[in-house]
Amino acid sequence: MPHGERALLEELRRAVSAVNTPILLFLDLDGTLAPLRKDPSKVRISKNVLRILRSLSKNPRVKIFIVSGRDEKFLRSRIPFPNVSLAAEHGAVPLAKNEKRIFSSALRALSALSEKYPGTFIERKSSAIAFHCRNAPPRLQFPIRKDVLCLLSGFSGKGILIIHGKKVVEFVFSKAGKGAFLKRTASTSGSSIIIAIGDDETDEGMFREANRLGGISVLVGKNGKSSAGYSIPSVRDAALFLKSLLLAIEKSERKRFYNIAH
């Protein structure tokens, strides 16, 4: 069971007080930085959150990574800051030739299945496929997921990950995944404070890897059993946490300069 907000803020202040230690901030977008929408194309990040992200990104201690299932074009349209790194499609890497064949086969099968169910649609990415069922009738949610998983079971054992999100099932290759991206990034960054924030099952790998590396993992909202060390209720609280992070960094820097001056 994740700990609550008070324990999270105490841990944040303790971690950030380690003067000059770099901070690696791994953030999901949908349901974390911005509320979920029935039409995914209409998701927007508030001006307040963008201001906080811009301020954090300008601090030399902080490196921000947006780790999302979205494609890079969408991410850049929502977060237009050059010093924020984008890990699109769960941190995917280019597909090998045999993976492209598997991808094409899965795409055809999922597209045919989508035609069977009203309110579903396929989102094709460069190295992943998302089967969205957010707009399907509630009575069909369970049979849709059952059919999708049954179909995708035929691709198991081929380096494939099936990721369950909120009313979406994604087909990605195992060398992708948010946890794998965090691991690769942290391994080349030296000693750092790692903070990972997300809202659903697609973020669990990122939480587990952050925990393994002694970092802070934060679940936004409720997602049943989670690997996250802490939880906060909503997107609004995620914004408040990021603001608290910014203030804690600034306080740590003021203290450092004061100690140098005296």
Protein backbone atom coordinates (compact mmCIF):
# COMPACT_ATOMS: atom_id res chain seq x y z
CA MET A 1 0.00 0.00 0.00
CA PRO A 2 1.58 3.33 -1.06
CA HIS A 3 2.20 5.97 1.61
CA GLY A 4 0.27 9.25 1.55
CA GLU A 5 1.03 12.88 0.79
CA ARG A 6 2.56 13.90 4.12
CA ALA A 7 5.11 11.09 4.04
CA LEU A 8 5.84 11.90 0.39
CA LEU A 9 6.61 15.56 1.11
CA GLU A 10 8.86 14.60 4.01
CA GLU A 11 10.77 12.18 1.77
CA LEU A 12 10.98 14.83 -0.96
CA ARG A 13 12.50 17.42 1.36
CA ARG A 14 14.98 14.88 2.71
CA ALA A 15 16.08 13.77 -0.76
CA VAL A 16 16.39 17.25 -2.27
CA SER A 17 18.44 18.53 0.68
CA ALA A 18 21.37 16.51 -0.72
CA VAL A 19 22.95 19.60 -2.25
CA ASN A 20 24.07 19.42 -5.89
CA THR A 21 22.89 15.84 -6.43
CA PRO A 22 21.23 15.72 -9.88
CA ILE A 23 17.48 15.04 -9.99
CA LEU A 24 16.06 12.80 -12.73
CA LEU A 25 12.32 13.42 -13.02
CA PHE A 26 10.34 10.81 -15.00
CA LEU A 27 6.76 11.92 -15.71
CA ASP A 28 3.81 10.30 -17.42
CA LEU A 29 1.47 12.68 -19.25
CA ASP A 30 -2.16 11.44 -19.49
CA GLY A 31 -3.70 11.20 -16.03
CA THR A 32 -0.56 12.64 -14.42
CA LEU A 33 0.24 16.03 -15.94
CA ALA A 34 -3.20 16.40 -17.53
CA PRO A 35 -6.66 14.92 -16.90
CA LEU A 36 -7.81 12.01 -19.05
CA ARG A 37 -10.30 12.80 -21.82
CA LYS A 38 -12.68 10.59 -23.81
CA ASP A 39 -11.02 11.92 -26.95
CA PRO A 40 -7.25 11.48 -26.36
CA SER A 41 -6.44 14.17 -28.94
CA LYS A 42 -8.09 16.78 -26.68
CA VAL A 43 -5.79 16.23 -23.69
CA ARG A 44 -4.15 19.50 -22.65
CA ILE A 45 -1.68 20.43 -19.91
CA SER A 46 -2.74 23.46 -17.88
CA LYS A 47 -0.80 26.72 -18.05
CA ASN A 48 0.03 26.34 -14.36
CA VAL A 49 1.65 22.93 -14.84
CA LEU A 50 3.53 24.17 -17.91
CA ARG A 51 4.92 27.10 -15.88
CA ILE A 52 6.14 24.69 -13.19
CA LEU A 53 7.71 22.36 -15.75
CA ARG A 54 9.43 25.28 -17.47
CA SER A 55 10.90 26.49 -14.17
CA LEU A 56 12.07 23.00 -13.21
CA SER A 57 13.61 22.44 -16.63
CA LYS A 58 15.67 25.61 -16.32
CA ASN A 59 17.28 24.42 -13.09
CA PRO A 60 20.68 22.81 -13.85
CA ARG A 61 20.09 20.14 -11.18
CA VAL A 62 16.96 18.83 -12.87
CA LYS A 63 16.56 16.66 -15.95
CA ILE A 64 12.96 16.02 -17.00
CA PHE A 65 11.85 13.02 -19.05
CA ILE A 66 8.26 12.75 -20.28
CA VAL A 67 7.74 8.97 -20.52
CA SER A 68 4.48 8.35 -22.32
CA GLY A 69 2.71 5.99 -24.66
CA ARG A 70 2.03 8.97 -26.94
CA ASP A 71 4.03 9.59 -30.10
CA GLU A 72 6.76 12.23 -30.17
CA LYS A 73 4.79 14.68 -32.32
CA PHE A 74 1.97 14.81 -29.79
CA LEU A 75 4.34 15.16 -26.83
CA ARG A 76 6.22 18.03 -28.42
CA SER A 77 2.94 19.80 -29.22
CA ARG A 78 2.01 19.69 -25.53
CA ILE A 79 5.43 20.33 -23.97
CA PRO A 80 7.36 22.71 -26.26
CA PHE A 81 10.45 23.07 -24.08
CA PRO A 82 13.76 22.11 -25.74
CA ASN A 83 15.40 21.07 -22.47
CA VAL A 84 12.67 18.53 -21.61
CA SER A 85 13.45 15.07 -23.01
CA LEU A 86 10.63 13.10 -24.61
CA ALA A 87 10.48 9.31 -24.33
CA ALA A 88 7.61 8.60 -26.71
CA GLU A 89 5.86 5.24 -27.07
CA HIS A 90 7.05 3.99 -23.66
CA GLY A 91 10.67 4.77 -24.50
CA ALA A 92 10.64 2.67 -27.66
CA VAL A 93 13.65 1.92 -29.84
CA PRO A 94 13.58 1.20 -33.62
CA LEU A 95 12.18 -2.20 -34.66
CA ALA A 96 14.28 -4.95 -36.21
CA LYS A 97 13.17 -6.51 -39.51
CA ASN A 98 11.51 -9.56 -37.90
CA GLU A 99 9.79 -7.30 -35.35
CA LYS A 100 8.30 -5.24 -38.17
CA ARG A 101 6.68 -8.40 -39.57
CA ILE A 102 5.20 -9.28 -36.18
CA PHE A 103 4.03 -5.68 -35.78
CA SER A 104 2.22 -5.72 -39.15
CA SER A 105 0.52 -9.03 -38.36
CA ALA A 106 -0.69 -7.78 -34.96
CA LEU A 107 -1.90 -4.52 -36.50
CA ARG A 108 -4.05 -6.35 -39.06
CA ALA A 109 -5.56 -8.62 -36.41
CA LEU A 110 -6.32 -5.80 -33.97
CA SER A 111 -7.80 -3.61 -36.71
CA ALA A 112 -10.19 -6.41 -37.68
CA LEU A 113 -11.19 -6.84 -34.03
CA SER A 114 -11.83 -3.11 -33.66
CA GLU A 115 -14.34 -3.26 -36.51
CA LYS A 116 -16.34 -5.76 -34.45
CA TYR A 117 -16.80 -3.43 -31.46
CA PRO A 118 -18.36 0.05 -31.68
CA GLY A 119 -16.54 2.79 -29.78
CA THR A 120 -13.10 1.18 -30.12
CA PHE A 121 -10.25 2.39 -32.28
CA ILE A 122 -6.63 1.56 -33.07
CA GLU A 123 -3.76 3.98 -32.47
CA ARG A 124 -0.78 2.96 -34.58
CA LYS A 125 2.62 4.14 -33.40
CA SER A 126 6.09 3.54 -34.82
CA SER A 127 6.74 0.54 -32.56
CA ALA A 128 3.54 -0.02 -30.60
CA ILE A 129 -0.19 -0.52 -31.14
CA ALA A 130 -2.84 0.78 -28.75
CA PHE A 131 -6.34 -0.70 -28.73
CA HIS A 132 -8.59 1.98 -27.20
CA CYS A 133 -11.95 1.05 -25.71
CA ARG A 134 -12.68 4.22 -23.69
CA ASN A 135 -15.72 5.10 -25.81
CA ALA A 136 -17.19 1.59 -25.97
CA PRO A 137 -20.35 0.82 -23.95
CA PRO A 138 -19.63 -0.23 -20.33
CA ARG A 139 -21.23 -3.66 -20.89
CA LEU A 140 -18.65 -4.40 -23.60
CA GLN A 141 -15.52 -3.41 -21.66
CA PHE A 142 -14.86 -6.87 -20.25
CA PRO A 143 -15.52 -8.88 -23.45
CA ILE A 144 -13.42 -6.41 -25.46
CA ARG A 145 -10.41 -6.83 -23.17
CA LYS A 146 -10.91 -10.58 -23.14
CA ASP A 147 -10.91 -10.74 -26.94
CA VAL A 148 -7.90 -8.43 -27.26
CA LEU A 149 -5.86 -10.47 -24.79
CA CYS A 150 -6.91 -13.72 -26.44
CA LEU A 151 -5.80 -12.38 -29.81
CA LEU A 152 -2.49 -11.04 -28.52
CA SER A 153 -1.70 -14.29 -26.68
CA GLY A 154 -0.76 -15.65 -30.10
CA PHE A 155 2.20 -13.26 -30.13
CA SER A 156 3.57 -14.22 -26.70
CA GLY A 157 7.12 -15.51 -26.48
CA LYS A 158 8.27 -13.18 -29.24
CA GLY A 159 9.68 -10.36 -27.12
CA ILE A 160 6.25 -8.76 -26.78
CA LEU A 161 4.82 -6.84 -23.82
CA ILE A 162 1.07 -6.47 -23.36
CA ILE A 163 0.46 -3.36 -21.25
CA HIS A 164 -2.91 -2.70 -19.60
CA GLY A 165 -3.84 0.96 -19.27
CA LYS A 166 -7.05 2.74 -18.36
CA LYS A 167 -9.46 1.48 -21.06
CA VAL A 168 -6.57 0.78 -23.41
CA VAL A 169 -4.42 -2.27 -24.11
CA GLU A 170 -1.03 -1.73 -25.72
CA PHE A 171 1.17 -4.07 -27.71
CA VAL A 172 4.86 -3.13 -27.44
CA PHE A 173 8.20 -4.88 -27.78
CA SER A 174 9.90 -5.84 -24.54
CA LYS A 175 13.00 -3.72 -25.11
CA ALA A 176 10.62 -0.80 -24.80
CA GLY A 177 8.61 -0.08 -21.65
CA LYS A 178 8.87 2.74 -19.15
CA GLY A 179 10.87 0.71 -16.65
CA ALA A 180 13.44 -0.23 -19.29
CA PHE A 181 13.75 3.40 -20.33
CA LEU A 182 14.28 4.57 -16.74
CA LYS A 183 16.90 1.86 -16.21
CA ARG A 184 18.81 2.80 -19.39
CA THR A 185 18.70 6.50 -18.55
CA ALA A 186 19.72 6.13 -14.91
CA SER A 187 22.63 3.83 -15.82
CA THR A 188 24.27 6.63 -17.81
CA SER A 189 23.56 9.44 -15.34
CA GLY A 190 25.71 8.60 -12.33
CA SER A 191 24.52 9.18 -8.78
CA SER A 192 21.12 10.89 -8.93
CA ILE A 193 17.83 11.41 -7.12
CA ILE A 194 15.22 9.54 -9.15
CA ILE A 195 11.55 10.56 -9.05
CA ALA A 196 8.93 8.70 -11.11
CA ILE A 197 5.28 9.80 -11.31
CA GLY A 198 2.45 8.06 -13.18
CA ASP A 199 -1.16 7.01 -12.90
CA ASP A 200 -1.79 3.51 -14.23
CA GLU A 201 -0.47 0.03 -14.93
CA THR A 202 1.73 1.22 -17.79
CA ASP A 203 3.79 3.08 -15.16
CA GLU A 204 4.35 0.12 -12.82
CA GLY A 205 7.64 -0.88 -14.47
CA MET A 206 8.88 2.66 -13.97
CA PHE A 207 7.85 2.54 -10.30
CA ARG A 208 9.62 -0.77 -9.72
CA GLU A 209 12.83 0.43 -11.32
CA ALA A 210 12.77 3.71 -9.37
CA ASN A 211 12.29 1.73 -6.15
CA ARG A 212 15.15 -0.61 -7.02
CA LEU A 213 17.44 2.39 -7.47
CA GLY A 214 16.39 3.96 -4.16
CA GLY A 215 14.24 6.63 -5.78
CA ILE A 216 10.78 8.07 -5.14
CA SER A 217 7.81 6.54 -6.98
CA VAL A 218 4.41 8.25 -6.94
CA LEU A 219 1.03 6.93 -8.08
CA VAL A 220 -1.54 9.55 -9.12
CA GLY A 221 -5.09 8.44 -8.31
CA LYS A 222 -6.18 4.90 -7.47
CA ASN A 223 -5.02 1.89 -9.42
CA GLY A 224 -5.57 -1.03 -7.05
CA LYS A 225 -2.36 -2.67 -5.94
CA SER A 226 0.67 -0.64 -7.02
CA SER A 227 4.45 -0.83 -6.71
CA ALA A 228 4.60 2.92 -6.08
CA GLY A 229 6.00 3.96 -2.73
CA TYR A 230 3.61 6.89 -2.42
CA SER A 231 0.21 7.96 -3.73
CA ILE A 232 -1.55 11.26 -4.30
CA PRO A 233 -5.23 11.66 -5.23
CA SER A 234 -5.33 13.57 -8.51
CA VAL A 235 -3.71 15.50 -11.36
CA ARG A 236 -4.15 18.65 -9.28
CA ASP A 237 -2.11 17.07 -6.48
CA ALA A 238 0.57 16.04 -8.97
CA ALA A 239 0.89 19.72 -9.91
CA LEU A 240 1.17 20.66 -6.23
CA PHE A 241 3.86 18.02 -5.75
CA LEU A 242 5.88 19.40 -8.67
CA LYS A 243 5.52 22.88 -7.21
CA SER A 244 6.73 21.55 -3.85
CA LEU A 245 9.71 19.98 -5.61
CA LEU A 246 10.58 23.31 -7.23
CA LEU A 247 10.31 25.16 -3.90
CA ALA A 248 12.38 22.50 -2.08
CA ILE A 249 15.16 22.82 -4.68
CA GLU A 250 15.14 26.59 -4.42
CA LYS A 251 15.26 26.40 -0.60
CA SER A 252 18.18 23.97 -0.75
CA GLU A 253 20.06 26.32 -3.08
CA ARG A 254 19.44 29.35 -0.84
CA LYS A 255 20.74 27.40 2.15
CA ARG A 256 23.85 26.40 0.20
CA PHE A 257 24.61 29.98 -0.83
CA TYR A 258 24.03 31.17 2.74
CA ASN A 259 26.51 28.59 4.07
CA ILE A 260 29.09 29.63 1.47
CA ALA A 261 28.65 33.32 2.36
CA HIS A 262 29.09 32.60 6.07
